[in-house]
Structure formats: C-alpha cells, structure tokens
C-alpha cells in the first residue's frame, strides 16, 4: 500500500486526481467517496491509500483547475508506480523526496498536461 495526500486542491481537483489513481489501482475508498469542502477556508489534506500493481490502466491527460500538491508515501516500487500513473494524466514536477530503508516520501506538484 501507498498513501497519497493532496493539499491546496479544490474538491474537484482532488476528485480528479483520486479518480485517475482509482482507475489505475485498487484503493481503500469507495468510488462514491468524493472529497467535500469544509467551512473555514483552510487548506485541507485529503488522503487515500492505493495498492499499486504491476498491471495498471493508464488514463489520458485530464485537466485540473489549478496546481495540486501531492505527497506519495510507501515502498519504492509502489511510489514509482503511483508517480508513473500520475505522469500519464498530469505534468508532474518533483518538489522533494525523503528516502529510508524500506520506504520513501515524494512531494510532487501536479498540473494540467499541455500538448
């Protein structure tokens, strides 16, 4: 399993990113579990767990309303597969990484892919 946390995203962009990952990999969230807005205007962190597999379904590029910050955390292979799936749908810019013996954490900035 690997955890994906999104910050600075509208509920629509969070739903778009999670939908791309849900199409590619099994998740702990049901398909009808959509991100909700919270009162107060604070940045929310939306989190879901995914089970990356060797065989996954890539998606075409998908537009976002604005940039989305994503943090991927898990085993090396799992994080690499999540990043690859995100790269099929969005422009992915690395923002930093922390590596350990068994796991890594990668910070990414996702944007709409331009043709």
N, C-alpha and C. Protein backbone atom coordinates (compact mmCIF):
# COMPACT_ATOMS: atom_id res chain seq x y z
N UNK A 1 0.84 -1.18 0.00
CA UNK A 1 0.00 0.00 0.00
C UNK A 1 0.88 1.24 0.00
N UNK A 2 0.33 2.27 -0.60
CA UNK A 2 0.99 3.57 -0.59
C UNK A 2 -0.07 4.63 -0.32
N UNK A 3 0.32 5.67 0.39
CA UNK A 3 -0.59 6.74 0.75
C UNK A 3 -0.37 7.94 -0.16
N UNK A 4 -1.47 8.53 -0.60
CA UNK A 4 -1.44 9.75 -1.40
C UNK A 4 -2.17 10.82 -0.60
N UNK A 5 -1.49 11.93 -0.34
CA UNK A 5 -2.09 13.06 0.36
C UNK A 5 -2.06 14.27 -0.57
N UNK A 6 -3.20 14.94 -0.70
CA UNK A 6 -3.32 16.11 -1.57
C UNK A 6 -3.58 17.34 -0.72
N UNK A 7 -2.87 18.44 -1.02
CA UNK A 7 -3.11 19.72 -0.36
C UNK A 7 -3.23 20.80 -1.41
N UNK A 8 -3.91 21.88 -1.05
CA UNK A 8 -4.04 23.01 -1.96
C UNK A 8 -4.89 22.72 -3.17
N UNK A 9 -5.76 21.72 -3.07
CA UNK A 9 -6.58 21.33 -4.22
C UNK A 9 -8.04 21.63 -3.93
N UNK A 10 -8.75 22.08 -4.95
CA UNK A 10 -10.20 22.21 -4.82
C UNK A 10 -10.77 20.80 -4.69
N UNK A 11 -12.03 20.71 -4.24
CA UNK A 11 -12.63 19.38 -4.13
C UNK A 11 -12.73 18.73 -5.50
N UNK A 12 -12.91 19.53 -6.56
CA UNK A 12 -13.00 18.97 -7.91
C UNK A 12 -11.65 18.42 -8.36
N UNK A 13 -10.56 19.17 -8.11
CA UNK A 13 -9.23 18.68 -8.49
C UNK A 13 -8.84 17.46 -7.67
N UNK A 14 -9.16 17.45 -6.38
CA UNK A 14 -8.87 16.27 -5.56
C UNK A 14 -9.62 15.06 -6.10
N UNK A 15 -10.89 15.25 -6.46
CA UNK A 15 -11.68 14.15 -7.02
C UNK A 15 -11.07 13.67 -8.34
N UNK A 16 -10.56 14.60 -9.16
CA UNK A 16 -9.95 14.24 -10.44
C UNK A 16 -8.70 13.39 -10.22
N UNK A 17 -7.82 13.83 -9.33
CA UNK A 17 -6.58 13.09 -9.06
C UNK A 17 -6.89 11.71 -8.49
N UNK A 18 -7.78 11.65 -7.51
CA UNK A 18 -8.12 10.35 -6.93
C UNK A 18 -8.81 9.45 -7.95
N UNK A 19 -9.60 10.02 -8.85
CA UNK A 19 -10.26 9.23 -9.90
C UNK A 19 -9.23 8.59 -10.84
N UNK A 20 -8.22 9.37 -11.21
CA UNK A 20 -7.15 8.82 -12.06
C UNK A 20 -6.48 7.64 -11.37
N UNK A 21 -6.15 7.80 -10.10
CA UNK A 21 -5.48 6.73 -9.36
C UNK A 21 -6.43 5.55 -9.11
N UNK A 22 -7.70 5.84 -8.87
CA UNK A 22 -8.69 4.77 -8.64
C UNK A 22 -8.88 3.93 -9.92
N UNK A 23 -8.78 4.57 -11.09
CA UNK A 23 -8.87 3.85 -12.36
C UNK A 23 -7.69 2.91 -12.52
N UNK A 24 -6.53 3.34 -12.06
CA UNK A 24 -5.31 2.55 -12.24
C UNK A 24 -5.13 1.47 -11.19
N UNK A 25 -5.50 1.74 -9.94
CA UNK A 25 -5.16 0.84 -8.83
C UNK A 25 -6.31 0.65 -7.84
N UNK A 26 -6.32 -0.47 -7.13
CA UNK A 26 -7.28 -0.64 -6.04
C UNK A 26 -7.02 0.38 -4.93
N UNK A 27 -8.08 0.80 -4.24
CA UNK A 27 -7.96 1.80 -3.18
C UNK A 27 -8.80 1.42 -1.98
N UNK A 28 -8.55 2.09 -0.87
CA UNK A 28 -9.33 1.88 0.35
C UNK A 28 -10.62 2.68 0.35
N UNK A 29 -10.84 3.50 -0.67
CA UNK A 29 -12.01 4.38 -0.73
C UNK A 29 -13.03 3.87 -1.75
N UNK A 30 -14.32 3.89 -1.40
CA UNK A 30 -15.34 3.52 -2.39
C UNK A 30 -15.43 4.59 -3.49
N UNK A 31 -15.92 4.20 -4.66
CA UNK A 31 -15.99 5.11 -5.81
C UNK A 31 -16.86 6.33 -5.52
N UNK A 32 -17.85 6.20 -4.64
CA UNK A 32 -18.74 7.33 -4.36
C UNK A 32 -18.23 8.21 -3.21
N UNK A 33 -17.04 7.95 -2.71
CA UNK A 33 -16.44 8.74 -1.64
C UNK A 33 -15.71 9.93 -2.26
N UNK A 34 -16.45 11.03 -2.46
CA UNK A 34 -15.89 12.21 -3.10
C UNK A 34 -15.45 13.22 -2.05
N UNK A 35 -14.36 13.95 -2.33
CA UNK A 35 -13.91 14.98 -1.38
C UNK A 35 -14.99 16.05 -1.20
N UNK A 36 -15.11 16.54 0.02
CA UNK A 36 -16.07 17.58 0.36
C UNK A 36 -15.34 18.84 0.78
N UNK A 37 -16.01 19.98 0.61
CA UNK A 37 -15.46 21.24 1.10
C UNK A 37 -15.73 21.33 2.60
N UNK A 38 -14.86 21.99 3.32
CA UNK A 38 -15.03 22.20 4.75
C UNK A 38 -15.15 23.70 5.00
N UNK A 39 -15.97 24.10 5.96
CA UNK A 39 -16.07 25.53 6.27
C UNK A 39 -14.77 26.04 6.88
N UNK A 40 -14.54 27.32 6.72
CA UNK A 40 -13.38 27.93 7.35
C UNK A 40 -12.30 28.33 6.37
N UNK A 41 -12.33 27.84 5.14
CA UNK A 41 -11.39 28.25 4.12
C UNK A 41 -9.95 27.80 4.35
N UNK A 42 -9.72 26.85 5.25
CA UNK A 42 -8.35 26.38 5.49
C UNK A 42 -7.99 25.32 4.45
N UNK A 43 -6.68 25.22 4.17
CA UNK A 43 -6.22 24.16 3.29
C UNK A 43 -6.48 22.81 3.93
N UNK A 44 -7.09 21.94 3.18
CA UNK A 44 -7.37 20.59 3.66
C UNK A 44 -6.34 19.63 3.12
N UNK A 45 -6.11 18.57 3.86
CA UNK A 45 -5.30 17.47 3.37
C UNK A 45 -6.26 16.32 3.12
N UNK A 46 -6.31 15.86 1.89
CA UNK A 46 -7.17 14.73 1.52
C UNK A 46 -6.26 13.54 1.28
N UNK A 47 -6.59 12.41 1.89
CA UNK A 47 -5.70 11.25 1.86
C UNK A 47 -6.46 10.00 1.44
N UNK A 48 -5.79 9.15 0.67
CA UNK A 48 -6.32 7.83 0.30
C UNK A 48 -5.15 6.87 0.17
N UNK A 49 -5.43 5.59 0.37
CA UNK A 49 -4.41 4.56 0.19
C UNK A 49 -4.71 3.78 -1.09
N UNK A 50 -3.64 3.45 -1.81
CA UNK A 50 -3.75 2.69 -3.05
C UNK A 50 -2.81 1.50 -3.00
N UNK A 51 -3.18 0.46 -3.70
CA UNK A 51 -2.39 -0.77 -3.79
C UNK A 51 -1.85 -0.86 -5.21
N UNK A 52 -0.69 -0.24 -5.49
CA UNK A 52 -0.14 -0.29 -6.84
C UNK A 52 0.16 -1.74 -7.26
N UNK A 53 -0.10 -2.02 -8.51
CA UNK A 53 0.13 -3.34 -9.08
C UNK A 53 0.98 -3.20 -10.34
N UNK A 54 1.58 -4.29 -10.76
CA UNK A 54 2.40 -4.26 -11.98
C UNK A 54 1.55 -3.92 -13.20
N UNK A 55 0.33 -4.44 -13.23
CA UNK A 55 -0.58 -4.16 -14.34
C UNK A 55 -1.55 -3.07 -13.91
N UNK A 56 -1.51 -1.94 -14.59
CA UNK A 56 -2.43 -0.86 -14.27
C UNK A 56 -2.94 -0.23 -15.55
N UNK A 57 -4.06 0.45 -15.44
CA UNK A 57 -4.72 1.04 -16.60
C UNK A 57 -4.35 2.52 -16.66
N UNK A 58 -3.57 2.93 -17.67
CA UNK A 58 -3.23 4.35 -17.79
C UNK A 58 -4.44 5.16 -18.27
N UNK A 59 -4.45 6.42 -17.93
CA UNK A 59 -5.51 7.31 -18.39
C UNK A 59 -4.92 8.37 -19.31
N UNK A 60 -5.79 8.95 -20.11
CA UNK A 60 -5.38 10.07 -20.95
C UNK A 60 -5.18 11.30 -20.07
N UNK A 61 -4.54 12.35 -20.61
CA UNK A 61 -4.39 13.58 -19.83
C UNK A 61 -5.75 14.10 -19.38
N UNK A 62 -5.78 14.63 -18.16
CA UNK A 62 -7.00 15.14 -17.55
C UNK A 62 -6.71 16.55 -17.05
N UNK A 63 -7.62 17.53 -17.34
CA UNK A 63 -7.35 18.90 -16.89
C UNK A 63 -7.60 19.09 -15.39
N UNK A 64 -6.84 19.99 -14.82
CA UNK A 64 -7.01 20.43 -13.43
C UNK A 64 -7.34 21.92 -13.45
N UNK A 65 -8.09 22.39 -12.45
CA UNK A 65 -8.39 23.82 -12.34
C UNK A 65 -7.15 24.61 -11.94
N UNK A 66 -6.28 24.00 -11.15
CA UNK A 66 -5.08 24.66 -10.68
C UNK A 66 -4.06 23.63 -10.26
N UNK A 67 -2.88 24.06 -9.82
CA UNK A 67 -1.87 23.10 -9.39
C UNK A 67 -2.31 22.37 -8.12
N UNK A 68 -1.89 21.12 -8.00
CA UNK A 68 -2.22 20.29 -6.84
C UNK A 68 -0.92 19.75 -6.26
N UNK A 69 -0.73 19.93 -4.96
CA UNK A 69 0.43 19.36 -4.26
C UNK A 69 0.06 17.96 -3.80
N UNK A 70 0.91 17.00 -4.15
CA UNK A 70 0.67 15.60 -3.77
C UNK A 70 1.90 15.06 -3.06
N UNK A 71 1.66 14.32 -1.99
CA UNK A 71 2.72 13.61 -1.29
C UNK A 71 2.42 12.13 -1.40
N UNK A 72 3.38 11.38 -1.93
CA UNK A 72 3.27 9.93 -2.06
C UNK A 72 4.18 9.31 -1.03
N UNK A 73 3.67 8.34 -0.28
CA UNK A 73 4.48 7.71 0.75
C UNK A 73 4.22 6.21 0.73
N UNK A 74 5.32 5.45 0.67
CA UNK A 74 5.21 3.99 0.68
C UNK A 74 6.51 3.37 0.21
N UNK A 75 6.44 2.09 -0.13
CA UNK A 75 7.60 1.38 -0.65
C UNK A 75 8.06 1.98 -1.97
N UNK A 76 9.31 1.76 -2.30
CA UNK A 76 9.89 2.35 -3.51
C UNK A 76 9.11 2.00 -4.76
N UNK A 77 8.81 0.73 -4.97
CA UNK A 77 8.11 0.30 -6.18
C UNK A 77 6.71 0.89 -6.23
N UNK A 78 6.01 0.92 -5.09
CA UNK A 78 4.65 1.45 -5.04
C UNK A 78 4.63 2.94 -5.38
N UNK A 79 5.54 3.70 -4.81
CA UNK A 79 5.60 5.14 -5.07
C UNK A 79 5.95 5.38 -6.54
N UNK A 80 6.88 4.62 -7.09
CA UNK A 80 7.24 4.77 -8.50
C UNK A 80 6.04 4.50 -9.41
N UNK A 81 5.25 3.48 -9.09
CA UNK A 81 4.08 3.16 -9.92
C UNK A 81 3.01 4.25 -9.82
N UNK A 82 2.79 4.78 -8.63
CA UNK A 82 1.84 5.88 -8.49
C UNK A 82 2.29 7.10 -9.27
N UNK A 83 3.58 7.40 -9.17
CA UNK A 83 4.11 8.56 -9.90
C UNK A 83 3.97 8.37 -11.41
N UNK A 84 4.22 7.15 -11.89
CA UNK A 84 4.08 6.86 -13.31
C UNK A 84 2.62 7.04 -13.76
N UNK A 85 1.68 6.57 -12.95
CA UNK A 85 0.26 6.72 -13.29
C UNK A 85 -0.14 8.19 -13.31
N UNK A 86 0.33 8.96 -12.34
CA UNK A 86 0.04 10.39 -12.32
C UNK A 86 0.65 11.09 -13.53
N UNK A 87 1.85 10.65 -13.95
CA UNK A 87 2.53 11.24 -15.09
C UNK A 87 1.82 11.00 -16.41
N UNK A 88 1.00 9.97 -16.49
CA UNK A 88 0.23 9.71 -17.70
C UNK A 88 -0.91 10.73 -17.84
N UNK A 89 -1.41 11.23 -16.71
CA UNK A 89 -2.56 12.13 -16.73
C UNK A 89 -2.21 13.60 -16.54
N UNK A 90 -1.09 13.88 -15.86
CA UNK A 90 -0.74 15.25 -15.49
C UNK A 90 0.74 15.51 -15.75
N UNK A 91 1.10 16.79 -15.79
CA UNK A 91 2.50 17.16 -15.74
C UNK A 91 2.91 17.04 -14.28
N UNK A 92 3.98 16.30 -14.02
CA UNK A 92 4.42 16.02 -12.66
C UNK A 92 5.79 16.65 -12.44
N UNK A 93 5.89 17.51 -11.44
CA UNK A 93 7.15 18.17 -11.10
C UNK A 93 7.56 17.75 -9.70
N UNK A 94 8.75 17.18 -9.58
CA UNK A 94 9.26 16.78 -8.27
C UNK A 94 9.57 17.99 -7.42
N UNK A 95 9.15 17.96 -6.15
CA UNK A 95 9.37 19.06 -5.23
C UNK A 95 10.29 18.69 -4.08
N UNK A 96 10.60 17.39 -3.98
CA UNK A 96 11.46 16.93 -2.90
C UNK A 96 11.18 15.48 -2.58
N UNK A 97 12.12 14.84 -1.91
CA UNK A 97 11.97 13.43 -1.56
C UNK A 97 12.79 13.13 -0.31
N UNK A 98 12.27 12.17 0.46
CA UNK A 98 12.97 11.66 1.64
C UNK A 98 12.96 10.15 1.50
N UNK A 99 14.14 9.55 1.61
CA UNK A 99 14.25 8.10 1.43
C UNK A 99 14.71 7.43 2.71
N UNK A 100 14.14 6.26 2.94
CA UNK A 100 14.55 5.43 4.06
C UNK A 100 14.95 4.06 3.56
N UNK A 101 15.11 3.11 4.47
CA UNK A 101 15.50 1.76 4.08
C UNK A 101 14.42 1.06 3.26
N UNK A 102 13.18 1.17 3.71
CA UNK A 102 12.08 0.44 3.08
C UNK A 102 11.06 1.32 2.38
N UNK A 103 11.04 2.60 2.70
CA UNK A 103 10.01 3.50 2.18
C UNK A 103 10.63 4.80 1.71
N UNK A 104 9.82 5.49 0.92
CA UNK A 104 10.19 6.84 0.52
C UNK A 104 8.96 7.74 0.56
N UNK A 105 9.22 9.02 0.67
CA UNK A 105 8.17 10.03 0.59
C UNK A 105 8.58 11.01 -0.49
N UNK A 106 7.67 11.26 -1.42
CA UNK A 106 7.96 12.12 -2.56
C UNK A 106 6.90 13.21 -2.62
N UNK A 107 7.35 14.46 -2.70
CA UNK A 107 6.44 15.60 -2.86
C UNK A 107 6.42 16.00 -4.33
N UNK A 108 5.20 16.12 -4.88
CA UNK A 108 5.03 16.43 -6.30
C UNK A 108 4.10 17.61 -6.46
N UNK A 109 4.24 18.31 -7.58
CA UNK A 109 3.29 19.33 -7.98
C UNK A 109 2.67 18.85 -9.28
N UNK A 110 1.35 18.71 -9.29
CA UNK A 110 0.62 18.22 -10.46
C UNK A 110 -0.04 19.41 -11.16
N UNK A 111 0.07 19.43 -12.48
CA UNK A 111 -0.55 20.47 -13.29
C UNK A 111 -1.19 19.82 -14.51
N UNK A 112 -2.05 20.57 -15.17
CA UNK A 112 -2.65 20.10 -16.41
C UNK A 112 -1.54 19.88 -17.43
N UNK A 113 -1.59 18.74 -18.11
CA UNK A 113 -0.60 18.41 -19.14
C UNK A 113 -0.92 19.20 -20.40
N UNK A 114 0.07 19.87 -20.91
CA UNK A 114 -0.08 20.66 -22.16
C UNK A 114 0.41 19.82 -23.33
N UNK A 115 -0.30 19.94 -24.46
CA UNK A 115 0.12 19.15 -25.63
C UNK A 115 1.20 19.80 -26.43
